[in-house]
Protein backbone atom coordinates (compact mmCIF):
# COMPACT_ATOMS: atom_id res chain seq x y z
CA MET A 1 124.64 35.83 -32.02
CA PRO A 2 125.13 35.54 -35.72
CA ASN A 3 126.11 32.19 -37.01
CA THR A 4 128.83 33.82 -39.22
CA ILE A 5 131.16 34.59 -36.24
CA LEU A 6 131.33 31.03 -35.54
CA SER A 7 133.87 28.61 -36.87
CA GLN A 8 132.89 26.06 -39.41
CA ARG A 9 133.42 23.35 -36.95
CA ALA A 10 131.20 25.31 -34.54
CA ARG A 11 128.55 25.71 -36.75
CA ASP A 12 128.57 21.89 -37.69
CA VAL A 13 128.34 21.25 -33.86
CA ALA A 14 125.26 23.45 -33.70
CA SER A 15 123.56 21.85 -36.55
CA ALA A 16 124.23 18.46 -35.36
CA SER A 17 122.98 18.97 -31.79
CA ASN A 18 119.66 20.79 -33.39
CA ASN A 19 117.94 17.38 -33.88
CA LEU A 20 114.67 16.03 -33.15
CA MET A 21 115.92 13.42 -30.53
CA TRP A 22 116.28 16.24 -27.81
CA ASP A 23 112.90 17.65 -28.86
CA ILE A 24 111.22 14.29 -28.34
CA MET A 25 113.02 13.53 -24.98
CA ARG A 26 111.59 16.90 -23.66
CA ASN A 27 108.25 15.61 -24.25
CA PRO A 28 107.84 11.96 -22.80
CA TRP A 29 104.55 10.11 -22.93
CA CYS A 30 102.71 9.19 -19.78
CA PRO A 31 99.58 7.33 -19.84
CA THR A 32 98.13 9.70 -16.99
CA THR A 33 99.83 13.13 -17.23
CA LYS A 34 100.91 13.50 -21.03
CA PRO A 35 99.21 10.76 -23.02
CA ASN A 36 100.06 12.94 -26.20
CA GLY A 37 103.65 12.72 -25.49
CA TYR A 38 106.27 10.52 -27.59
CA VAL A 39 106.98 6.78 -27.01
CA ASN A 40 110.45 6.93 -27.39
CA VAL A 41 112.08 3.43 -28.43
CA GLY A 42 114.86 4.93 -30.21
CA VAL A 43 117.41 5.89 -27.48
CA ALA A 44 119.41 3.51 -26.06
CA GLU A 45 118.30 3.19 -22.44
CA ASN A 46 117.52 0.39 -20.21
CA ALA A 47 114.44 1.23 -17.91
CA LEU A 48 113.76 -2.41 -16.70
CA MET A 49 116.06 -2.19 -13.46
CA HIS A 50 115.62 1.64 -12.69
CA ASP A 51 113.73 0.89 -9.45
CA TYR A 52 116.16 -1.94 -8.20
CA LEU A 53 119.06 0.58 -8.60
CA LEU A 54 117.32 3.53 -6.99
CA ASP A 55 116.53 1.59 -3.92
CA TYR A 56 119.94 0.50 -3.40
CA ILE A 57 121.38 3.97 -3.96
CA ASN A 58 118.86 5.75 -1.95
CA THR A 59 119.57 3.43 0.77
CA GLU A 60 123.46 3.55 0.60
CA LEU A 61 124.24 7.09 -0.32
CA ASP A 62 126.16 8.96 2.35
CA LEU A 63 127.98 11.82 0.61
CA PRO A 64 131.21 12.94 2.12
CA ALA A 65 132.28 16.59 2.05
CA LYS A 66 135.43 15.56 -0.25
CA TYR A 67 133.04 15.12 -3.23
CA LEU A 68 131.95 18.58 -3.16
CA THR A 69 135.84 19.17 -4.16
CA TYR A 70 137.70 18.75 -7.44
CA ASN A 71 138.52 15.01 -5.83
CA ASP A 72 141.30 13.44 -7.13
CA GLY A 73 141.66 15.18 -10.46
CA GLY A 74 140.15 14.69 -14.04
CA ILE A 75 140.86 10.97 -15.01
CA GLY A 76 138.89 9.89 -11.88
CA SER A 77 139.14 9.41 -8.23
CA GLU A 78 141.57 6.55 -7.25
CA ARG A 79 138.47 4.89 -5.26
CA LEU A 80 136.30 4.67 -8.63
CA ARG A 81 139.65 3.55 -10.90
CA ARG A 82 140.31 0.91 -8.30
CA ALA A 83 136.58 -0.33 -8.05
CA VAL A 84 136.30 -0.36 -11.96
CA ALA A 85 139.29 -2.44 -12.07
CA GLY A 86 138.07 -4.92 -9.67
CA PHE A 87 134.59 -5.11 -11.12
CA LEU A 88 136.00 -5.52 -14.61
CA ASN A 89 138.68 -8.27 -13.45
CA LYS A 90 135.60 -10.39 -12.05
CA HIS A 91 133.57 -10.15 -15.24
CA LEU A 92 135.78 -9.62 -18.21
CA GLN A 93 138.38 -11.84 -17.21
CA PRO A 94 141.50 -10.22 -18.54
CA ILE A 95 144.61 -12.11 -19.05
CA GLN A 96 146.50 -9.62 -17.57
CA PRO A 97 144.68 -8.05 -14.14
CA ILE A 98 143.65 -4.52 -14.54
CA THR A 99 144.76 -1.94 -11.97
CA GLY A 100 143.42 1.29 -11.23
CA ASP A 101 146.53 3.26 -12.87
CA ASP A 102 145.19 1.21 -16.29
CA VAL A 103 141.79 3.06 -16.11
CA VAL A 104 141.05 6.49 -17.17
CA ILE A 105 137.22 7.86 -15.84
CA THR A 106 135.49 10.07 -18.35
CA ASN A 107 131.86 11.63 -18.29
CA GLY A 108 130.33 9.00 -20.12
CA VAL A 109 131.78 6.71 -22.71
CA SER A 110 131.20 9.06 -25.80
CA ALA A 111 133.62 11.25 -24.25
CA ALA A 112 135.93 8.35 -23.87
CA ILE A 113 135.58 7.58 -27.56
CA GLU A 114 136.61 11.35 -28.65
CA HIS A 115 139.49 11.03 -26.27
CA VAL A 116 140.87 7.88 -27.91
CA SER A 117 140.14 9.48 -31.63
CA TRP A 118 141.87 12.52 -30.60
CA ALA A 119 144.57 10.45 -29.00
CA PHE A 120 145.31 8.07 -32.24
CA THR A 121 144.68 10.34 -34.89
CA ASP A 122 145.82 13.54 -36.59
CA PRO A 123 142.75 15.42 -38.52
CA GLY A 124 142.21 13.59 -41.92
CA GLU A 125 143.44 10.34 -40.81
CA GLY A 126 141.04 7.31 -40.58
CA ILE A 127 139.50 4.99 -38.20
CA LEU A 128 137.47 1.86 -39.55
CA LEU A 129 133.92 1.12 -38.61
CA GLY A 130 131.83 -1.59 -39.99
CA ARG A 131 128.29 -1.12 -41.05
CA PRO A 132 125.91 -1.05 -39.48
CA TYR A 133 127.33 0.83 -36.63
CA TYR A 134 126.06 2.84 -33.58
CA GLY A 135 125.36 6.09 -35.36
CA THR A 136 126.94 8.68 -32.69
CA PHE A 137 130.32 6.87 -33.43
CA ILE A 138 130.56 9.26 -36.22
CA PRO A 139 130.33 12.71 -34.25
CA ASP A 140 132.37 11.42 -31.41
CA MET A 141 135.18 10.25 -33.54
CA SER A 142 135.21 12.99 -36.14
CA LEU A 143 133.56 16.31 -35.11
CA ARG A 144 136.18 17.64 -32.78
CA PRO A 145 138.81 15.21 -33.27
CA GLY A 146 138.72 15.36 -36.93
CA ALA A 147 139.22 12.08 -37.91
CA VAL A 148 137.75 10.59 -40.60
CA VAL A 149 135.40 7.60 -40.42
CA VAL A 150 136.10 4.93 -42.85
CA PRO A 151 132.71 2.85 -43.03
CA VAL A 152 133.27 -0.81 -44.03
CA GLU A 153 130.85 -2.48 -46.08
CA PHE A 154 129.90 -6.23 -45.71
CA GLY A 155 127.22 -6.76 -48.46
CA ASP A 156 126.20 -10.39 -48.01
CA CYS A 157 128.94 -11.42 -45.75
CA ASP A 158 128.14 -11.90 -42.12
CA PRO A 159 129.91 -8.82 -40.16
CA PHE A 160 130.84 -11.15 -37.22
CA SER A 161 132.53 -13.85 -39.40
CA LEU A 162 136.20 -14.59 -40.40
CA PRO A 163 135.64 -13.31 -44.08
CA ALA A 164 134.52 -9.81 -42.90
CA VAL A 165 138.03 -9.29 -41.60
CA ASP A 166 139.06 -9.02 -45.05
CA ARG A 167 136.67 -6.34 -45.78
CA TYR A 168 138.35 -4.30 -43.15
CA GLU A 169 141.53 -4.68 -44.81
CA ALA A 170 140.06 -3.63 -48.27
CA ALA A 171 138.40 -0.49 -46.73
CA LEU A 172 141.78 0.28 -45.09
CA LEU A 173 143.67 0.07 -48.28
CA GLU A 174 141.09 1.92 -50.34
CA PHE A 175 141.16 4.74 -48.13
CA GLN A 176 144.95 4.96 -47.76
CA GLN A 177 145.35 4.85 -51.53
CA LYS A 178 142.65 7.41 -52.45
CA THR A 179 143.65 9.88 -49.70
CA GLY A 180 147.32 9.06 -48.95
CA ARG A 181 146.36 9.56 -45.41
CA LYS A 182 146.80 6.45 -42.83
CA VAL A 183 144.27 4.85 -40.92
CA ARG A 184 145.06 4.80 -37.49
CA ALA A 185 142.32 2.51 -35.69
CA LEU A 186 139.61 0.06 -35.77
CA MET A 187 136.40 0.96 -33.72
CA LEU A 188 134.59 -2.36 -32.71
CA CYS A 189 131.18 -2.60 -30.97
CA HIS A 190 131.08 -5.77 -28.98
CA PRO A 191 128.73 -6.17 -28.12
CA HIS A 192 127.35 -4.94 -31.19
CA ASN A 193 124.86 -2.06 -31.54
CA PRO A 194 122.61 -2.07 -33.44
CA LEU A 195 122.69 -5.97 -34.21
CA GLY A 196 122.57 -7.26 -30.63
CA ARG A 197 125.40 -9.97 -31.27
CA CYS A 198 128.98 -10.70 -29.93
CA TYR A 199 132.10 -11.32 -31.83
CA PRO A 200 133.35 -14.88 -32.07
CA ARG A 201 136.98 -15.25 -30.36
CA SER A 202 138.18 -16.34 -33.70
CA THR A 203 137.15 -13.20 -35.24
CA LEU A 204 138.40 -11.13 -32.58
CA VAL A 205 141.91 -12.90 -32.91
CA GLN A 206 141.97 -12.15 -36.93
CA LEU A 207 141.00 -8.57 -35.99
CA MET A 208 144.15 -8.14 -33.52
CA ARG A 209 146.30 -9.82 -36.35
CA LEU A 210 144.79 -7.33 -39.01
CA CYS A 211 145.75 -4.10 -36.56
CA GLN A 212 149.15 -5.57 -35.85
CA LYS A 213 149.91 -6.12 -39.64
CA TYR A 214 149.31 -2.06 -40.39
CA HIS A 215 150.15 -1.34 -36.80
CA ILE A 216 146.98 0.31 -35.84
CA HIS A 217 144.86 0.53 -32.76
CA LEU A 218 141.99 -1.94 -31.64
CA ILE A 219 139.37 0.02 -29.73
CA SER A 220 136.73 -2.37 -28.13
CA ASP A 221 133.81 -0.49 -27.14
CA GLU A 222 132.38 -3.18 -24.55
CA ILE A 223 129.66 -1.01 -22.84
CA TYR A 224 127.11 -3.78 -23.21
CA ALA A 225 129.50 -6.48 -21.99
CA LEU A 226 127.14 -7.42 -19.13
CA SER A 227 123.91 -7.17 -21.02
CA VAL A 228 124.17 -10.72 -22.52
CA TRP A 229 121.15 -12.84 -22.08
CA GLU A 230 119.35 -15.85 -23.41
CA ASN A 231 117.59 -15.76 -26.60
CA THR A 232 114.64 -18.16 -26.19
CA VAL A 233 112.82 -17.70 -29.32
CA ASP A 234 115.51 -17.38 -32.35
CA PRO A 235 117.22 -20.99 -33.07
CA GLN A 236 119.50 -19.38 -35.40
CA PRO A 237 122.16 -17.91 -35.77
CA ALA A 238 123.54 -19.58 -32.54
CA ALA A 239 124.30 -17.26 -29.81
CA VAL A 240 128.16 -16.73 -29.00
CA ALA A 241 129.49 -16.00 -25.68
CA PHE A 242 130.94 -12.74 -24.97
CA GLU A 243 134.54 -12.73 -24.53
CA SER A 244 136.34 -9.52 -23.94
CA ALA A 245 139.31 -8.08 -25.97
CA LEU A 246 141.01 -8.19 -22.78
CA SER A 247 140.48 -11.93 -22.05
CA ILE A 248 142.59 -12.84 -24.99
CA ASN A 249 146.54 -13.38 -24.97
CA THR A 250 147.99 -11.15 -27.19
CA SER A 251 151.15 -12.93 -27.55
CA ARG A 252 152.21 -13.37 -31.18
CA LEU A 253 148.98 -11.51 -31.99
CA ILE A 254 149.41 -7.95 -31.45
CA ASP A 255 151.65 -5.05 -29.85
CA PRO A 256 149.58 -5.00 -26.35
CA SER A 257 149.97 -1.32 -26.57
CA LEU A 258 147.30 -1.09 -29.50
CA VAL A 259 144.73 -2.85 -27.58
CA HIS A 260 141.98 -0.76 -25.54
CA VAL A 261 138.56 -1.31 -23.85
CA LEU A 262 135.80 1.32 -23.19
CA TRP A 263 133.48 0.67 -20.88
CA GLY A 264 130.68 2.64 -18.64
CA MET A 265 127.97 2.66 -16.31
CA SER A 266 125.27 3.98 -19.15
CA LYS A 267 124.06 0.21 -20.43
CA ASP A 268 124.95 -2.52 -18.10
CA PHE A 269 123.65 -0.43 -15.00
CA GLY A 270 120.75 1.43 -16.88
CA ALA A 271 122.12 4.58 -15.63
CA ASN A 272 122.86 6.85 -18.48
CA GLY A 273 122.47 10.11 -16.30
CA LEU A 274 125.64 9.09 -14.09
CA ARG A 275 127.91 9.91 -17.15
CA ILE A 276 130.76 7.69 -16.02
CA GLY A 277 132.76 6.20 -18.57
CA ALA A 278 136.20 4.39 -18.43
CA ILE A 279 139.23 3.67 -20.81
CA VAL A 280 141.20 0.57 -20.18
CA SER A 281 144.45 0.65 -21.47
CA GLN A 282 147.05 -1.75 -19.82
CA ASN A 283 150.31 -1.11 -22.06
CA ASN A 284 150.53 2.33 -23.15
CA PRO A 285 151.64 5.17 -20.64
CA ALA A 286 152.17 7.36 -23.37
CA LEU A 287 148.28 7.27 -23.94
CA HIS A 288 147.59 7.80 -19.89
CA LEU A 289 149.92 10.66 -20.00
CA ALA A 290 148.27 12.29 -22.98
CA LEU A 291 144.80 11.75 -21.71
CA LYS A 292 145.56 13.23 -18.08
CA GLY A 293 146.23 16.47 -20.04
CA ALA A 294 143.22 16.14 -21.64
CA SER A 295 140.89 15.22 -18.94
CA LEU A 296 139.77 18.55 -17.81
CA TYR A 297 137.08 18.61 -20.71
CA SER A 298 135.76 15.15 -19.58
CA TYR A 299 135.76 15.92 -15.67
CA PRO A 300 133.21 13.22 -14.13
CA SER A 301 130.98 14.54 -11.30
CA SER A 302 132.45 13.70 -8.10
CA VAL A 303 129.05 12.80 -6.81
CA SER A 304 128.49 10.18 -9.68
CA GLU A 305 131.74 8.72 -8.81
CA HIS A 306 130.69 8.08 -5.31
CA LEU A 307 127.44 6.53 -6.49
CA ALA A 308 129.29 4.50 -9.19
CA SER A 309 131.88 3.20 -6.45
CA LEU A 310 129.23 2.30 -4.19
CA VAL A 311 127.62 -0.03 -6.45
CA LEU A 312 130.94 -1.53 -8.28
CA GLU A 313 132.41 -2.17 -4.82
CA ASP A 314 129.47 -4.10 -3.73
CA THR A 315 130.04 -7.77 -5.35
CA PHE A 316 126.72 -9.09 -3.93
CA PHE A 317 124.38 -6.65 -5.16
CA THR A 318 126.26 -6.55 -8.61
CA ARG A 319 126.15 -10.13 -9.14
CA ARG A 320 122.48 -10.09 -8.41
CA TYR A 321 121.59 -7.09 -10.42
CA ILE A 322 123.37 -8.21 -13.38
CA GLN A 323 121.48 -11.65 -13.20
CA LEU A 324 118.08 -9.93 -12.88
CA ASN A 325 118.93 -7.46 -15.84
CA GLN A 326 119.88 -10.43 -17.94
CA GLN A 327 116.75 -12.35 -17.28
CA LYS A 328 114.53 -9.19 -18.02
CA LEU A 329 116.36 -8.35 -21.32
CA SER A 330 115.66 -11.95 -22.43
CA GLU A 331 111.90 -11.56 -21.46
CA SER A 332 111.45 -8.61 -22.89
CA TYR A 333 113.23 -9.33 -26.31
CA ALA A 334 110.90 -12.33 -26.37
CA PHE A 335 107.89 -10.26 -26.14
CA ALA A 336 108.81 -7.96 -28.63
CA VAL A 337 109.84 -10.42 -31.40
CA GLN A 338 106.32 -12.21 -30.60
CA HIS A 339 104.57 -9.04 -31.48
CA LEU A 340 106.72 -8.58 -34.50
CA ARG A 341 106.00 -11.96 -35.94
CA SER A 342 102.30 -11.53 -35.10
CA GLN A 343 102.52 -8.46 -37.64
CA GLY A 344 104.44 -10.02 -40.01
CA ILE A 345 107.41 -7.90 -39.52
CA GLU A 346 110.65 -8.98 -40.55
CA TYR A 347 113.64 -8.64 -37.94
CA ALA A 348 117.23 -9.65 -37.68
CA PRO A 349 117.13 -12.87 -35.50
CA GLY A 350 120.05 -14.14 -33.24
CA ALA A 351 120.45 -11.04 -30.94
CA HIS A 352 121.31 -12.08 -27.59
CA ALA A 353 123.09 -9.13 -26.28
CA ALA A 354 122.27 -5.20 -25.54
CA PHE A 355 118.72 -3.63 -26.38
CA PHE A 356 118.07 -3.72 -29.87
CA LEU A 357 115.80 -5.18 -32.58
CA TRP A 358 116.94 -4.34 -36.01
CA VAL A 359 113.66 -4.55 -37.89
CA ASN A 360 112.38 -4.20 -41.38
CA LEU A 361 109.73 -1.83 -41.20
CA GLY A 362 110.18 -0.56 -45.09
CA LEU A 363 109.43 -3.90 -46.28
CA LYS A 364 106.33 -4.36 -44.38
CA TYR A 365 105.08 -0.88 -45.53
CA ARG A 366 105.57 -2.14 -48.99
CA LYS A 367 103.53 -5.08 -48.50
CA LEU A 368 100.61 -3.03 -47.03
CA HIS A 369 101.01 -0.08 -49.69
CA PRO A 370 102.05 -1.62 -52.90
CA VAL A 371 100.53 0.73 -55.14
CA GLU A 372 101.77 4.09 -53.28
CA THR A 373 105.45 2.50 -52.99
CA ALA A 374 105.83 1.02 -56.62
CA GLN A 375 108.12 3.80 -57.66
CA MET A 376 109.92 4.22 -54.21
CA ASP A 377 113.32 2.86 -53.32
CA GLY A 378 114.33 1.72 -49.93
CA ASP A 379 115.63 5.24 -48.76
CA ALA A 380 112.46 6.64 -49.80
CA ILE A 381 110.04 4.49 -48.19
CA ALA A 382 112.15 4.66 -44.78
CA GLU A 383 111.62 8.52 -45.02
CA LYS A 384 107.92 8.10 -45.43
CA VAL A 385 107.97 5.34 -42.80
CA MET A 386 109.58 7.67 -40.24
CA GLU A 387 107.21 10.61 -41.08
CA LEU A 388 104.37 8.45 -40.26
CA LEU A 389 105.92 7.11 -37.08
CA LEU A 390 106.40 10.71 -35.84
CA ARG A 391 102.83 11.40 -36.86
CA ARG A 392 101.61 8.79 -34.39
CA LYS A 393 104.41 10.17 -31.87
CA VAL A 394 106.35 7.13 -31.63
CA PHE A 395 110.32 7.51 -32.01
CA LEU A 396 112.63 4.92 -33.42
CA ALA A 397 116.27 5.30 -34.92
CA THR A 398 116.22 5.02 -38.65
CA GLY A 399 118.69 2.68 -40.17
CA ALA A 400 120.16 5.68 -42.20
CA LEU A 401 121.53 6.80 -38.77
CA PHE A 402 123.28 3.68 -38.51
CA GLY A 403 124.93 3.28 -41.98
CA SER A 404 122.53 0.63 -43.09
CA GLU A 405 123.53 -0.92 -46.33
CA CYS A 406 120.00 -1.45 -47.21
CA GLY A 407 117.06 1.24 -46.84
CA GLY A 408 113.81 0.34 -44.89
CA TRP A 409 115.62 -0.88 -41.62
CA PHE A 410 114.89 0.64 -38.00
CA ARG A 411 116.26 -0.11 -34.52
CA ILE A 412 113.94 -0.48 -31.55
CA VAL A 413 114.91 -0.54 -28.32
CA PHE A 414 112.88 -3.21 -26.15
CA SER A 415 114.46 -2.58 -22.80
CA HIS A 416 111.33 -0.77 -21.48
CA ARG A 417 108.75 -1.86 -18.81
CA ARG A 418 105.98 -3.97 -20.51
CA GLU A 419 103.31 -1.11 -20.65
CA TYR A 420 105.62 1.35 -22.31
CA LEU A 421 106.77 -1.37 -24.97
CA GLU A 422 103.41 -2.37 -25.63
CA GLU A 423 102.26 1.39 -26.43
CA ALA A 424 105.23 1.70 -28.61
CA LEU A 425 104.88 -1.56 -30.71
CA TRP A 426 100.92 -0.61 -31.15
CA ARG A 427 101.84 2.98 -32.53
CA ILE A 428 104.22 1.14 -34.86
CA VAL A 429 101.58 -0.93 -36.39
CA LEU A 430 99.37 2.09 -36.86
CA ALA A 431 101.81 3.80 -38.33
CA LEU A 432 102.68 1.25 -40.94
CA ASN A 433 98.72 1.20 -41.75
CA ASP A 434 98.68 4.84 -42.47
CA VAL A 435 99.21 6.48 -45.97
């Protein structure tokens, strides 16, 4: 079909989907069957607990006939919405207990992000997003809903600190003055992707006050809420305990109808393929009514709903799963950091959540090749490093995709089995030594 008969937005979607990552995912490395495949440490997947989860699912699965029907509709089955509410009540400790009626189920958190962007903005209106950010936030919020992502720059200011809140306000005012359009929401990734840190309660409180001041929505993406672990190798910065936005008393801070949390099975349960996400909004019935109308386009699989319900309803299993997962993440992070240190590769210390190492491969490449890089800036070096990584058949995500304020940074996903992670780290070192 000729591209010219598509709308411009459809052409943008086609262009965005034609990217290297999907080709790499179709050609995965295996030491025995596919030694020339790609080692992929660029996609946010947690493989550390797959066997544990599969053993449970394959033992417990007994699919009722109801799950071959449309079930309870597009916003999710009553059973799963109750299961998500009960599970999050135990682990997020909300001030106001979550009920099934507060939850909308989607086919993944990307769909949840798109839904809230569509619900809160008209095309051309803004959503604040601090840098660096999860790169797919951009198309999730803007590609079909038409919102404008307003990146917030921090310079030498810690993006998790109280002074960072002023940077959000400055970005909001600049956008509104330049465009004449409103900012409608602030998107927070908490715990953070790619920096792997949690926002202190004091910062969350100030962000709520900022949102109340301009009457904008606070969307807290808490998809890594239970993937918080002990950092045993970095003395500084000190870890901050994870506290959900729902655990903060909003009295005298913010209209509670402006606070929304996103969560899903993809990260905390290493189950990206289940495609189960959730929007939790406790005080905004108008949002729920709007989402019910649009839910046909994010209808979750009934089979996935059944599997997720089985897992979340089993308190003993989930408690043990979370404990083991956090232990394995801590061990895997320490292993990867020790390897980076042995090679003299700079990384951002202090991660204690999620699956990521934020590493400065550009700086290491410059040190190894001072003559070749003398006339190159950080972005050019990053492009060169990416080229060499792909030549070595290892895939990382470049900082440019995350809105990094400095060139040369990359994100490594360390939540892989030891053999796989070792192969990736070895190939990275080889690539850095290439010219």
